[in-house]
Amino acid sequence: MEISVTELQTILNRIIAKHKDLRTKGFSTESCRSMVNLMDKDGNGKLGLVEFNVLWNRIRNYLSIFRKFDLDKSGSISAYELRLALEAAGYRLNKRLHELLITRYAEPDLALDFDNFVCCLVRLETMFNPAVTPRFRDLLPPGAIKAFFIV
């Protein structure tokens, strides 16, 4: 059994809907596609059960971090809370990269809901994970990594 992008979206949205304390619009197709791309080790565009289990454990970890750093218990995290949450997840980013993440993933009130938080972490992991980064580096011209990954 393998899980497609749309099946993953359905599964995650059904589960997240049960968490009434989280502000969310649900996982987008783009978010789910990013998750499948990160976890799909055999390149078939779907998640096997082992791959899904690894992803599910990561999402549970992300949920724990999200709740811990949602300091005001609003169901979303502010720009300040995001910096703390990202550091707890192992990402110490410079101010400019942090601002770019806020611009990309935050709502107009500058807060991130849970699905955008997960998507943000998945993208960061895709860029910085040693198992994934070599594929990413192959797509860039020589010297681009130094300019892109300044922290």
N, C-alpha and C. Protein backbone atom coordinates (compact mmCIF):
# COMPACT_ATOMS: atom_id res chain seq x y z
N MET A 1 0.83 -1.18 0.00
CA MET A 1 0.00 0.00 0.00
C MET A 1 0.88 1.24 0.00
N GLU A 2 0.53 2.20 -0.85
CA GLU A 2 1.27 3.45 -0.90
C GLU A 2 0.29 4.62 -0.88
N ILE A 3 0.76 5.74 -0.36
CA ILE A 3 -0.09 6.90 -0.16
C ILE A 3 0.33 8.00 -1.13
N SER A 4 -0.63 8.48 -1.93
CA SER A 4 -0.37 9.55 -2.89
C SER A 4 -0.45 10.91 -2.18
N VAL A 5 -0.12 11.96 -2.91
CA VAL A 5 -0.19 13.32 -2.37
C VAL A 5 -1.61 13.65 -1.92
N THR A 6 -2.60 13.36 -2.75
CA THR A 6 -3.99 13.68 -2.39
C THR A 6 -4.48 12.83 -1.22
N GLU A 7 -4.05 11.58 -1.17
CA GLU A 7 -4.43 10.73 -0.03
C GLU A 7 -3.79 11.24 1.26
N LEU A 8 -2.52 11.68 1.16
CA LEU A 8 -1.84 12.25 2.33
C LEU A 8 -2.58 13.51 2.80
N GLN A 9 -2.99 14.34 1.86
CA GLN A 9 -3.72 15.55 2.20
C GLN A 9 -5.02 15.21 2.94
N THR A 10 -5.75 14.24 2.45
CA THR A 10 -7.00 13.83 3.09
C THR A 10 -6.75 13.31 4.49
N ILE A 11 -5.75 12.45 4.65
CA ILE A 11 -5.43 11.88 5.96
C ILE A 11 -5.06 12.97 6.95
N LEU A 12 -4.13 13.85 6.55
CA LEU A 12 -3.66 14.89 7.47
C LEU A 12 -4.77 15.87 7.83
N ASN A 13 -5.58 16.23 6.85
CA ASN A 13 -6.66 17.18 7.14
C ASN A 13 -7.73 16.59 8.04
N ARG A 14 -7.99 15.31 7.92
CA ARG A 14 -8.95 14.67 8.83
C ARG A 14 -8.41 14.64 10.26
N ILE A 15 -7.12 14.38 10.38
CA ILE A 15 -6.52 14.33 11.71
C ILE A 15 -6.43 15.73 12.33
N ILE A 16 -5.97 16.69 11.54
CA ILE A 16 -5.77 18.04 12.07
C ILE A 16 -7.11 18.69 12.45
N ALA A 17 -8.19 18.31 11.77
CA ALA A 17 -9.51 18.87 12.08
C ALA A 17 -9.96 18.50 13.50
N LYS A 18 -9.41 17.44 14.04
CA LYS A 18 -9.77 17.01 15.39
C LYS A 18 -9.07 17.84 16.46
N HIS A 19 -8.05 18.58 16.08
CA HIS A 19 -7.29 19.42 17.02
C HIS A 19 -7.88 20.82 17.00
N LYS A 20 -8.89 21.03 17.79
CA LYS A 20 -9.63 22.30 17.79
C LYS A 20 -8.80 23.46 18.34
N ASP A 21 -7.70 23.15 19.04
CA ASP A 21 -6.87 24.21 19.60
C ASP A 21 -5.92 24.83 18.58
N LEU A 22 -5.84 24.26 17.38
CA LEU A 22 -4.93 24.77 16.36
C LEU A 22 -5.68 25.60 15.33
N ARG A 23 -5.09 26.73 14.98
CA ARG A 23 -5.63 27.53 13.89
C ARG A 23 -5.05 26.98 12.59
N THR A 24 -5.90 26.57 11.68
CA THR A 24 -5.42 25.98 10.44
C THR A 24 -6.49 26.05 9.36
N LYS A 25 -6.04 26.14 8.12
CA LYS A 25 -6.94 26.04 6.98
C LYS A 25 -6.82 24.66 6.35
N GLY A 26 -6.01 23.82 6.96
CA GLY A 26 -5.77 22.48 6.42
C GLY A 26 -4.51 22.47 5.57
N PHE A 27 -4.00 21.29 5.36
CA PHE A 27 -2.78 21.13 4.57
C PHE A 27 -3.10 21.29 3.09
N SER A 28 -2.34 22.12 2.42
CA SER A 28 -2.53 22.35 0.99
C SER A 28 -1.90 21.22 0.19
N THR A 29 -2.27 21.14 -1.06
CA THR A 29 -1.65 20.16 -1.96
C THR A 29 -0.15 20.41 -2.05
N GLU A 30 0.24 21.69 -2.08
CA GLU A 30 1.66 22.05 -2.15
C GLU A 30 2.43 21.53 -0.93
N SER A 31 1.84 21.71 0.25
CA SER A 31 2.48 21.22 1.48
C SER A 31 2.66 19.71 1.44
N CYS A 32 1.61 19.02 1.03
CA CYS A 32 1.66 17.56 0.99
C CYS A 32 2.65 17.07 -0.08
N ARG A 33 2.70 17.76 -1.19
CA ARG A 33 3.67 17.41 -2.23
C ARG A 33 5.10 17.57 -1.71
N SER A 34 5.35 18.64 -0.95
CA SER A 34 6.68 18.84 -0.36
C SER A 34 7.03 17.72 0.60
N MET A 35 6.04 17.30 1.40
CA MET A 35 6.29 16.21 2.35
C MET A 35 6.59 14.91 1.62
N VAL A 36 5.83 14.62 0.58
CA VAL A 36 6.07 13.39 -0.19
C VAL A 36 7.46 13.46 -0.82
N ASN A 37 7.82 14.61 -1.40
CA ASN A 37 9.13 14.74 -2.03
C ASN A 37 10.27 14.55 -1.04
N LEU A 38 10.09 15.03 0.18
CA LEU A 38 11.12 14.87 1.20
C LEU A 38 11.27 13.42 1.62
N MET A 39 10.15 12.71 1.78
CA MET A 39 10.17 11.38 2.36
C MET A 39 10.26 10.25 1.34
N ASP A 40 9.95 10.51 0.09
CA ASP A 40 9.89 9.47 -0.94
C ASP A 40 11.30 9.03 -1.35
N LYS A 41 11.75 7.94 -0.76
CA LYS A 41 13.12 7.48 -1.01
C LYS A 41 13.28 6.74 -2.33
N ASP A 42 12.22 6.11 -2.83
CA ASP A 42 12.34 5.34 -4.08
C ASP A 42 11.92 6.14 -5.31
N GLY A 43 11.47 7.38 -5.11
CA GLY A 43 11.19 8.27 -6.23
C GLY A 43 9.93 7.96 -7.02
N ASN A 44 8.98 7.25 -6.43
CA ASN A 44 7.76 6.91 -7.18
C ASN A 44 6.62 7.91 -6.96
N GLY A 45 6.87 8.95 -6.17
CA GLY A 45 5.87 9.98 -5.95
C GLY A 45 4.81 9.61 -4.93
N LYS A 46 5.03 8.53 -4.21
CA LYS A 46 4.10 8.09 -3.17
C LYS A 46 4.88 7.67 -1.94
N LEU A 47 4.17 7.58 -0.81
CA LEU A 47 4.81 7.14 0.43
C LEU A 47 4.41 5.71 0.75
N GLY A 48 5.41 4.88 0.97
CA GLY A 48 5.14 3.55 1.48
C GLY A 48 4.84 3.66 2.97
N LEU A 49 4.48 2.56 3.58
CA LEU A 49 4.12 2.59 5.00
C LEU A 49 5.26 3.02 5.90
N VAL A 50 6.47 2.57 5.60
CA VAL A 50 7.63 2.97 6.40
C VAL A 50 7.88 4.46 6.25
N GLU A 51 7.82 4.95 5.00
CA GLU A 51 8.03 6.38 4.75
C GLU A 51 6.95 7.22 5.44
N PHE A 52 5.71 6.75 5.37
CA PHE A 52 4.62 7.47 6.03
C PHE A 52 4.82 7.48 7.54
N ASN A 53 5.25 6.38 8.11
CA ASN A 53 5.49 6.30 9.54
C ASN A 53 6.56 7.31 9.98
N VAL A 54 7.63 7.42 9.20
CA VAL A 54 8.69 8.39 9.52
C VAL A 54 8.12 9.81 9.45
N LEU A 55 7.36 10.10 8.39
CA LEU A 55 6.74 11.41 8.25
C LEU A 55 5.78 11.69 9.41
N TRP A 56 4.96 10.72 9.75
CA TRP A 56 3.99 10.89 10.83
C TRP A 56 4.70 11.22 12.15
N ASN A 57 5.81 10.54 12.43
CA ASN A 57 6.57 10.82 13.65
C ASN A 57 7.14 12.23 13.62
N ARG A 58 7.57 12.70 12.45
CA ARG A 58 8.07 14.08 12.34
C ARG A 58 6.95 15.08 12.58
N ILE A 59 5.79 14.83 12.01
CA ILE A 59 4.67 15.75 12.19
C ILE A 59 4.26 15.80 13.66
N ARG A 60 4.27 14.67 14.34
CA ARG A 60 3.97 14.66 15.78
C ARG A 60 5.00 15.46 16.55
N ASN A 61 6.27 15.35 16.16
CA ASN A 61 7.32 16.15 16.79
C ASN A 61 7.09 17.64 16.51
N TYR A 62 6.76 17.98 15.26
CA TYR A 62 6.48 19.37 14.91
C TYR A 62 5.30 19.90 15.73
N LEU A 63 4.28 19.07 15.94
CA LEU A 63 3.12 19.48 16.73
C LEU A 63 3.52 19.78 18.17
N SER A 64 4.37 18.94 18.71
CA SER A 64 4.85 19.15 20.08
C SER A 64 5.62 20.47 20.18
N ILE A 65 6.49 20.74 19.23
CA ILE A 65 7.25 21.99 19.21
C ILE A 65 6.29 23.17 19.05
N PHE A 66 5.35 23.04 18.12
CA PHE A 66 4.39 24.11 17.86
C PHE A 66 3.62 24.47 19.13
N ARG A 67 3.11 23.47 19.81
CA ARG A 67 2.34 23.73 21.03
C ARG A 67 3.21 24.31 22.14
N LYS A 68 4.43 23.84 22.24
CA LYS A 68 5.33 24.35 23.28
C LYS A 68 5.62 25.83 23.08
N PHE A 69 5.77 26.26 21.83
CA PHE A 69 6.17 27.64 21.57
C PHE A 69 5.01 28.55 21.16
N ASP A 70 3.80 28.02 21.17
CA ASP A 70 2.62 28.87 21.04
C ASP A 70 2.35 29.42 22.43
N LEU A 71 3.17 30.38 22.80
CA LEU A 71 3.20 30.86 24.19
C LEU A 71 1.88 31.46 24.66
N ASP A 72 1.16 32.11 23.76
CA ASP A 72 -0.10 32.73 24.15
C ASP A 72 -1.31 31.81 23.91
N LYS A 73 -1.04 30.58 23.47
CA LYS A 73 -2.08 29.56 23.24
C LYS A 73 -3.16 30.05 22.26
N SER A 74 -2.71 30.77 21.23
CA SER A 74 -3.63 31.31 20.23
C SER A 74 -3.96 30.31 19.12
N GLY A 75 -3.22 29.21 19.08
CA GLY A 75 -3.41 28.24 18.00
C GLY A 75 -2.55 28.53 16.79
N SER A 76 -1.77 29.61 16.88
CA SER A 76 -0.81 29.96 15.84
C SER A 76 0.44 30.48 16.53
N ILE A 77 1.51 30.63 15.77
CA ILE A 77 2.73 31.16 16.39
C ILE A 77 3.14 32.45 15.70
N SER A 78 3.58 33.39 16.52
CA SER A 78 4.02 34.70 16.04
C SER A 78 5.43 34.59 15.48
N ALA A 79 5.91 35.68 14.91
CA ALA A 79 7.27 35.72 14.38
C ALA A 79 8.29 35.42 15.48
N TYR A 80 8.07 35.99 16.66
CA TYR A 80 8.96 35.74 17.78
C TYR A 80 8.91 34.27 18.20
N GLU A 81 7.71 33.74 18.32
CA GLU A 81 7.54 32.34 18.71
C GLU A 81 8.15 31.41 17.66
N LEU A 82 8.06 31.81 16.38
CA LEU A 82 8.65 31.00 15.31
C LEU A 82 10.15 30.88 15.48
N ARG A 83 10.81 31.98 15.79
CA ARG A 83 12.27 31.93 15.99
C ARG A 83 12.62 30.92 17.08
N LEU A 84 11.91 30.96 18.19
CA LEU A 84 12.16 30.02 19.29
C LEU A 84 11.87 28.58 18.86
N ALA A 85 10.77 28.38 18.14
CA ALA A 85 10.39 27.04 17.69
C ALA A 85 11.40 26.48 16.70
N LEU A 86 11.87 27.31 15.79
CA LEU A 86 12.87 26.84 14.81
C LEU A 86 14.18 26.47 15.50
N GLU A 87 14.57 27.26 16.49
CA GLU A 87 15.78 26.92 17.24
C GLU A 87 15.61 25.59 17.97
N ALA A 88 14.43 25.36 18.53
CA ALA A 88 14.16 24.10 19.22
C ALA A 88 14.19 22.93 18.23
N ALA A 89 13.83 23.21 16.99
CA ALA A 89 13.85 22.17 15.95
C ALA A 89 15.25 21.99 15.36
N GLY A 90 16.20 22.82 15.80
CA GLY A 90 17.58 22.67 15.35
C GLY A 90 18.01 23.63 14.25
N TYR A 91 17.23 24.68 14.00
CA TYR A 91 17.56 25.64 12.94
C TYR A 91 17.82 27.01 13.54
N ARG A 92 19.10 27.40 13.59
CA ARG A 92 19.46 28.75 14.01
C ARG A 92 19.69 29.55 12.74
N LEU A 93 18.77 30.45 12.47
CA LEU A 93 18.78 31.19 11.21
C LEU A 93 19.11 32.65 11.45
N ASN A 94 19.73 33.27 10.44
CA ASN A 94 20.00 34.69 10.58
C ASN A 94 18.71 35.49 10.43
N LYS A 95 18.77 36.77 10.74
CA LYS A 95 17.58 37.61 10.74
C LYS A 95 16.93 37.67 9.36
N ARG A 96 17.72 37.78 8.33
CA ARG A 96 17.18 37.90 6.97
C ARG A 96 16.41 36.65 6.55
N LEU A 97 16.97 35.47 6.82
CA LEU A 97 16.28 34.23 6.47
C LEU A 97 15.01 34.06 7.30
N HIS A 98 15.07 34.45 8.56
CA HIS A 98 13.88 34.40 9.41
C HIS A 98 12.78 35.31 8.84
N GLU A 99 13.15 36.51 8.42
CA GLU A 99 12.18 37.43 7.82
C GLU A 99 11.60 36.87 6.53
N LEU A 100 12.42 36.20 5.73
CA LEU A 100 11.93 35.59 4.50
C LEU A 100 10.91 34.48 4.80
N LEU A 101 11.17 33.71 5.83
CA LEU A 101 10.23 32.65 6.21
C LEU A 101 8.90 33.25 6.67
N ILE A 102 8.96 34.33 7.43
CA ILE A 102 7.74 35.00 7.88
C ILE A 102 6.97 35.52 6.66
N THR A 103 7.68 36.15 5.73
CA THR A 103 7.04 36.67 4.53
C THR A 103 6.36 35.56 3.74
N ARG A 104 7.02 34.41 3.64
CA ARG A 104 6.50 33.31 2.83
C ARG A 104 5.37 32.54 3.52
N TYR A 105 5.50 32.27 4.80
CA TYR A 105 4.59 31.32 5.46
C TYR A 105 3.56 31.95 6.39
N ALA A 106 3.74 33.21 6.78
CA ALA A 106 2.83 33.81 7.74
C ALA A 106 1.56 34.34 7.07
N GLU A 107 0.52 34.43 7.87
CA GLU A 107 -0.74 35.05 7.46
C GLU A 107 -0.56 36.57 7.53
N PRO A 108 -1.54 37.35 7.09
CA PRO A 108 -1.42 38.81 7.16
C PRO A 108 -1.15 39.36 8.57
N ASP A 109 -1.58 38.62 9.60
CA ASP A 109 -1.32 39.07 10.98
C ASP A 109 0.08 38.66 11.46
N LEU A 110 0.91 38.15 10.56
CA LEU A 110 2.29 37.73 10.81
C LEU A 110 2.40 36.52 11.73
N ALA A 111 1.36 35.73 11.80
CA ALA A 111 1.36 34.49 12.58
C ALA A 111 1.27 33.30 11.63
N LEU A 112 1.87 32.19 12.03
CA LEU A 112 1.81 30.96 11.25
C LEU A 112 0.83 29.99 11.88
N ASP A 113 -0.04 29.42 11.07
CA ASP A 113 -0.88 28.35 11.57
C ASP A 113 -0.08 27.05 11.46
N PHE A 114 -0.65 25.97 11.97
CA PHE A 114 0.11 24.72 12.08
C PHE A 114 0.54 24.17 10.73
N ASP A 115 -0.34 24.16 9.74
CA ASP A 115 0.05 23.59 8.45
C ASP A 115 1.17 24.38 7.79
N ASN A 116 1.17 25.71 7.93
CA ASN A 116 2.27 26.50 7.38
C ASN A 116 3.56 26.28 8.15
N PHE A 117 3.44 26.06 9.44
CA PHE A 117 4.62 25.74 10.26
C PHE A 117 5.25 24.43 9.79
N VAL A 118 4.42 23.42 9.57
CA VAL A 118 4.93 22.12 9.09
C VAL A 118 5.58 22.30 7.72
N CYS A 119 4.92 23.02 6.83
CA CYS A 119 5.47 23.23 5.49
C CYS A 119 6.82 23.95 5.57
N CYS A 120 6.92 24.93 6.44
CA CYS A 120 8.17 25.66 6.64
C CYS A 120 9.29 24.72 7.10
N LEU A 121 8.99 23.88 8.08
CA LEU A 121 10.00 22.94 8.57
C LEU A 121 10.38 21.90 7.52
N VAL A 122 9.41 21.46 6.75
CA VAL A 122 9.71 20.50 5.68
C VAL A 122 10.65 21.13 4.65
N ARG A 123 10.38 22.38 4.29
CA ARG A 123 11.25 23.07 3.33
C ARG A 123 12.66 23.26 3.89
N LEU A 124 12.74 23.65 5.17
CA LEU A 124 14.06 23.80 5.79
C LEU A 124 14.80 22.47 5.81
N GLU A 125 14.10 21.43 6.14
CA GLU A 125 14.74 20.11 6.18
C GLU A 125 15.20 19.69 4.79
N THR A 126 14.41 20.01 3.79
CA THR A 126 14.79 19.68 2.42
C THR A 126 16.08 20.40 2.04
N MET A 127 16.24 21.64 2.50
CA MET A 127 17.45 22.41 2.17
C MET A 127 18.66 21.99 2.99
N PHE A 128 18.45 21.70 4.28
CA PHE A 128 19.58 21.49 5.17
C PHE A 128 19.88 20.05 5.54
N ASN A 129 18.98 19.12 5.29
CA ASN A 129 19.19 17.72 5.64
C ASN A 129 20.31 17.15 4.76
N PRO A 130 21.37 16.59 5.36
CA PRO A 130 22.46 16.05 4.56
C PRO A 130 22.03 14.97 3.58
N ALA A 131 20.98 14.23 3.90
CA ALA A 131 20.52 13.18 2.99
C ALA A 131 19.80 13.76 1.78
N VAL A 132 19.23 14.95 1.93
CA VAL A 132 18.48 15.58 0.85
C VAL A 132 19.31 16.63 0.13
N THR A 133 20.14 17.35 0.87
CA THR A 133 20.89 18.47 0.33
C THR A 133 21.73 18.14 -0.90
N PRO A 134 22.40 16.98 -0.99
CA PRO A 134 23.18 16.72 -2.20
C PRO A 134 22.34 16.82 -3.48
N ARG A 135 21.08 16.33 -3.44
CA ARG A 135 20.22 16.45 -4.62
C ARG A 135 19.95 17.92 -4.92
N PHE A 136 19.73 18.72 -3.88
CA PHE A 136 19.45 20.14 -4.03
C PHE A 136 20.69 20.84 -4.59
N ARG A 137 21.87 20.51 -4.06
CA ARG A 137 23.10 21.14 -4.52
C ARG A 137 23.37 20.88 -5.99
N ASP A 138 23.00 19.70 -6.46
CA ASP A 138 23.23 19.36 -7.86
C ASP A 138 22.49 20.27 -8.81
N LEU A 139 21.42 20.91 -8.35
CA LEU A 139 20.62 21.78 -9.19
C LEU A 139 21.14 23.21 -9.26
N LEU A 140 22.10 23.56 -8.39
CA LEU A 140 22.58 24.93 -8.31
C LEU A 140 23.94 25.08 -8.96
N PRO A 141 24.23 26.28 -9.48
CA PRO A 141 25.56 26.51 -10.06
C PRO A 141 26.62 26.52 -8.97
N PRO A 142 27.88 26.27 -9.32
CA PRO A 142 28.96 26.28 -8.33
C PRO A 142 28.99 27.60 -7.56
N GLY A 143 29.19 27.53 -6.25
CA GLY A 143 29.27 28.71 -5.41
C GLY A 143 27.93 29.19 -4.88
N ALA A 144 26.83 28.69 -5.40
CA ALA A 144 25.51 29.16 -4.99
C ALA A 144 25.18 28.76 -3.56
N ILE A 145 25.68 27.61 -3.14
CA ILE A 145 25.36 27.14 -1.78
C ILE A 145 25.88 28.10 -0.74
N LYS A 146 27.09 28.59 -0.89
CA LYS A 146 27.66 29.52 0.09
C LYS A 146 26.79 30.76 0.22
N ALA A 147 26.32 31.28 -0.88
CA ALA A 147 25.49 32.49 -0.85
C ALA A 147 24.12 32.18 -0.26
N PHE A 148 23.61 31.02 -0.52
CA PHE A 148 22.25 30.68 -0.09
C PHE A 148 22.18 30.26 1.37
N PHE A 149 23.20 29.57 1.84
CA PHE A 149 23.14 28.97 3.17
C PHE A 149 23.90 29.73 4.23
N ILE A 150 24.15 31.02 4.02
CA ILE A 150 24.79 31.81 5.06
C ILE A 150 23.85 31.89 6.25
N VAL A 151 24.35 31.55 7.42
CA VAL A 151 23.48 31.54 8.60
C VAL A 151 23.97 32.54 9.61
